[in-house]
């Protein structure tokens, strides 16, 4: 597995798929099924296998950050007794995202203090 992982990290995802497909010819039973699932997964996500370019751009290479964010949103919006329409859910998700990304002020800029004049 280590050589395949190194190829993935170097951006050679298509070569990894080819290597695994070649390996499939020699496998039977449960092992063949496991490798076939990996080939299917990699093939269906081949446009995202250029890890070398992603690393140079500073993008996360794993799904952990996204999975954590989804979990946090789920905890916020799937509480007992809470029911949302699709429109309401999407609206609240937008508001929550602005809040989490410290961009609330873009939606609600601080208001200038009211001046009271006496007539």
Protein backbone atom coordinates (compact mmCIF):
# COMPACT_ATOMS: atom_id res chain seq x y z
CA UNK A 1 0.00 0.00 0.00
CA UNK A 2 2.84 2.43 0.78
CA UNK A 3 3.94 2.75 -2.88
CA UNK A 4 0.35 3.40 -3.95
CA UNK A 5 -0.08 6.08 -1.30
CA UNK A 6 3.15 7.74 -2.42
CA UNK A 7 1.85 7.77 -6.00
CA UNK A 8 -1.40 9.37 -4.83
CA UNK A 9 0.50 12.04 -2.88
CA UNK A 10 2.61 12.74 -5.97
CA UNK A 11 -0.51 13.32 -8.06
CA UNK A 12 -0.41 10.01 -9.95
CA UNK A 13 -3.97 8.96 -9.12
CA UNK A 14 -4.66 7.54 -12.58
CA UNK A 15 -1.57 5.35 -12.29
CA UNK A 16 -2.83 4.05 -8.93
CA UNK A 17 -6.16 3.12 -10.52
CA UNK A 18 -4.29 1.29 -13.32
CA UNK A 19 -2.12 -0.55 -10.77
CA UNK A 20 -5.16 -1.66 -8.79
CA UNK A 21 -6.98 -2.77 -11.94
CA UNK A 22 -3.95 -4.87 -12.85
CA UNK A 23 -3.96 -6.37 -9.36
CA UNK A 24 -7.64 -7.28 -9.72
CA UNK A 25 -6.72 -9.86 -12.38
CA UNK A 26 -4.85 -11.90 -9.75
CA UNK A 27 -7.38 -11.67 -6.92
CA UNK A 28 -10.46 -13.71 -6.09
CA UNK A 29 -13.25 -13.58 -3.55
CA UNK A 30 -13.30 -11.09 -0.69
CA UNK A 31 -9.96 -9.49 -1.55
CA UNK A 32 -11.06 -8.90 -5.13
CA UNK A 33 -14.25 -7.26 -3.88
CA UNK A 34 -12.32 -4.97 -1.52
CA UNK A 35 -9.92 -3.85 -4.24
CA UNK A 36 -12.77 -3.39 -6.72
CA UNK A 37 -14.56 -1.07 -4.26
CA UNK A 38 -11.39 1.04 -4.02
CA UNK A 39 -11.00 1.14 -7.80
CA UNK A 40 -14.63 2.23 -8.14
CA UNK A 41 -14.20 4.91 -5.47
CA UNK A 42 -10.99 6.31 -6.96
CA UNK A 43 -12.38 6.20 -10.49
CA UNK A 44 -15.54 8.08 -9.47
CA UNK A 45 -13.40 10.76 -7.77
CA UNK A 46 -10.51 10.89 -10.25
CA UNK A 47 -10.96 14.64 -10.79
CA UNK A 48 -10.01 15.14 -7.14
CA UNK A 49 -6.94 12.88 -7.06
CA UNK A 50 -4.32 15.52 -7.84
CA UNK A 51 -3.12 15.75 -4.24
CA UNK A 52 0.18 17.33 -5.23
CA UNK A 53 -1.56 20.37 -6.74
CA UNK A 54 -3.97 20.55 -3.80
CA UNK A 55 -1.07 20.49 -1.32
CA UNK A 56 0.70 23.32 -3.18
CA UNK A 57 -2.52 25.37 -3.04
CA UNK A 58 -2.78 24.78 0.69
CA UNK A 59 -5.99 22.79 0.38
CA UNK A 60 -6.79 20.08 2.92
CA UNK A 61 -6.04 16.59 1.59
CA UNK A 62 -8.50 14.71 3.75
CA UNK A 63 -12.19 15.00 4.39
CA UNK A 64 -11.88 15.44 8.16
CA UNK A 65 -12.40 19.20 8.18
CA UNK A 66 -15.52 18.94 6.03
CA UNK A 67 -16.90 16.03 8.07
CA UNK A 68 -16.34 17.99 11.29
CA UNK A 69 -18.11 21.04 9.88
CA UNK A 70 -21.07 18.94 8.75
CA UNK A 71 -21.31 17.39 12.20
CA UNK A 72 -21.30 20.83 13.85
CA UNK A 73 -24.08 22.05 11.59
CA UNK A 74 -26.06 18.86 12.19
CA UNK A 75 -25.84 19.38 15.94
CA UNK A 76 -27.09 22.94 15.49
CA UNK A 77 -30.06 22.15 13.27
CA UNK A 78 -31.16 18.66 14.34
CA UNK A 79 -32.22 19.23 17.92
CA UNK A 80 -35.31 17.73 19.52
CA UNK A 81 -38.43 19.68 18.63
CA UNK A 82 -36.80 21.64 15.82
CA UNK A 83 -38.40 21.34 12.43
CA UNK A 84 -37.35 23.45 9.48
CA UNK A 85 -38.72 24.05 6.03
CA UNK A 86 -36.12 23.76 3.28
CA UNK A 87 -36.14 27.54 2.84
CA UNK A 88 -35.84 28.14 6.58
CA UNK A 89 -33.06 25.57 6.92
CA UNK A 90 -31.06 27.08 4.08
CA UNK A 91 -31.53 30.58 5.48
CA UNK A 92 -30.38 29.54 8.94
CA UNK A 93 -27.40 27.68 7.47
CA UNK A 94 -26.36 30.87 5.66
CA UNK A 95 -26.66 32.90 8.86
CA UNK A 96 -24.74 30.28 10.84
CA UNK A 97 -21.99 30.26 8.21
CA UNK A 98 -21.64 34.05 8.35
CA UNK A 99 -21.44 33.84 12.16
CA UNK A 100 -18.87 31.00 12.17
CA UNK A 101 -16.68 32.77 9.61
CA UNK A 102 -16.71 36.03 11.56
CA UNK A 103 -18.53 37.79 8.71
CA UNK A 104 -21.68 38.75 10.60
CA UNK A 105 -20.79 42.43 10.22
CA UNK A 106 -21.19 42.05 6.44
CA UNK A 107 -24.87 41.29 6.97
CA UNK A 108 -25.40 43.62 9.89
CA UNK A 109 -22.85 46.44 9.87
CA UNK A 110 -22.56 48.29 13.14
CA UNK A 111 -25.09 51.09 13.11
CA UNK A 112 -23.92 54.60 13.75
CA UNK A 113 -25.14 55.87 17.12
CA UNK A 114 -28.43 57.67 16.84
CA UNK A 115 -28.19 61.36 17.41
CA UNK A 116 -31.10 63.01 19.12
CA UNK A 117 -31.83 66.58 18.28
CA UNK A 118 -34.04 68.75 20.39
CA UNK A 119 -36.39 70.96 18.53
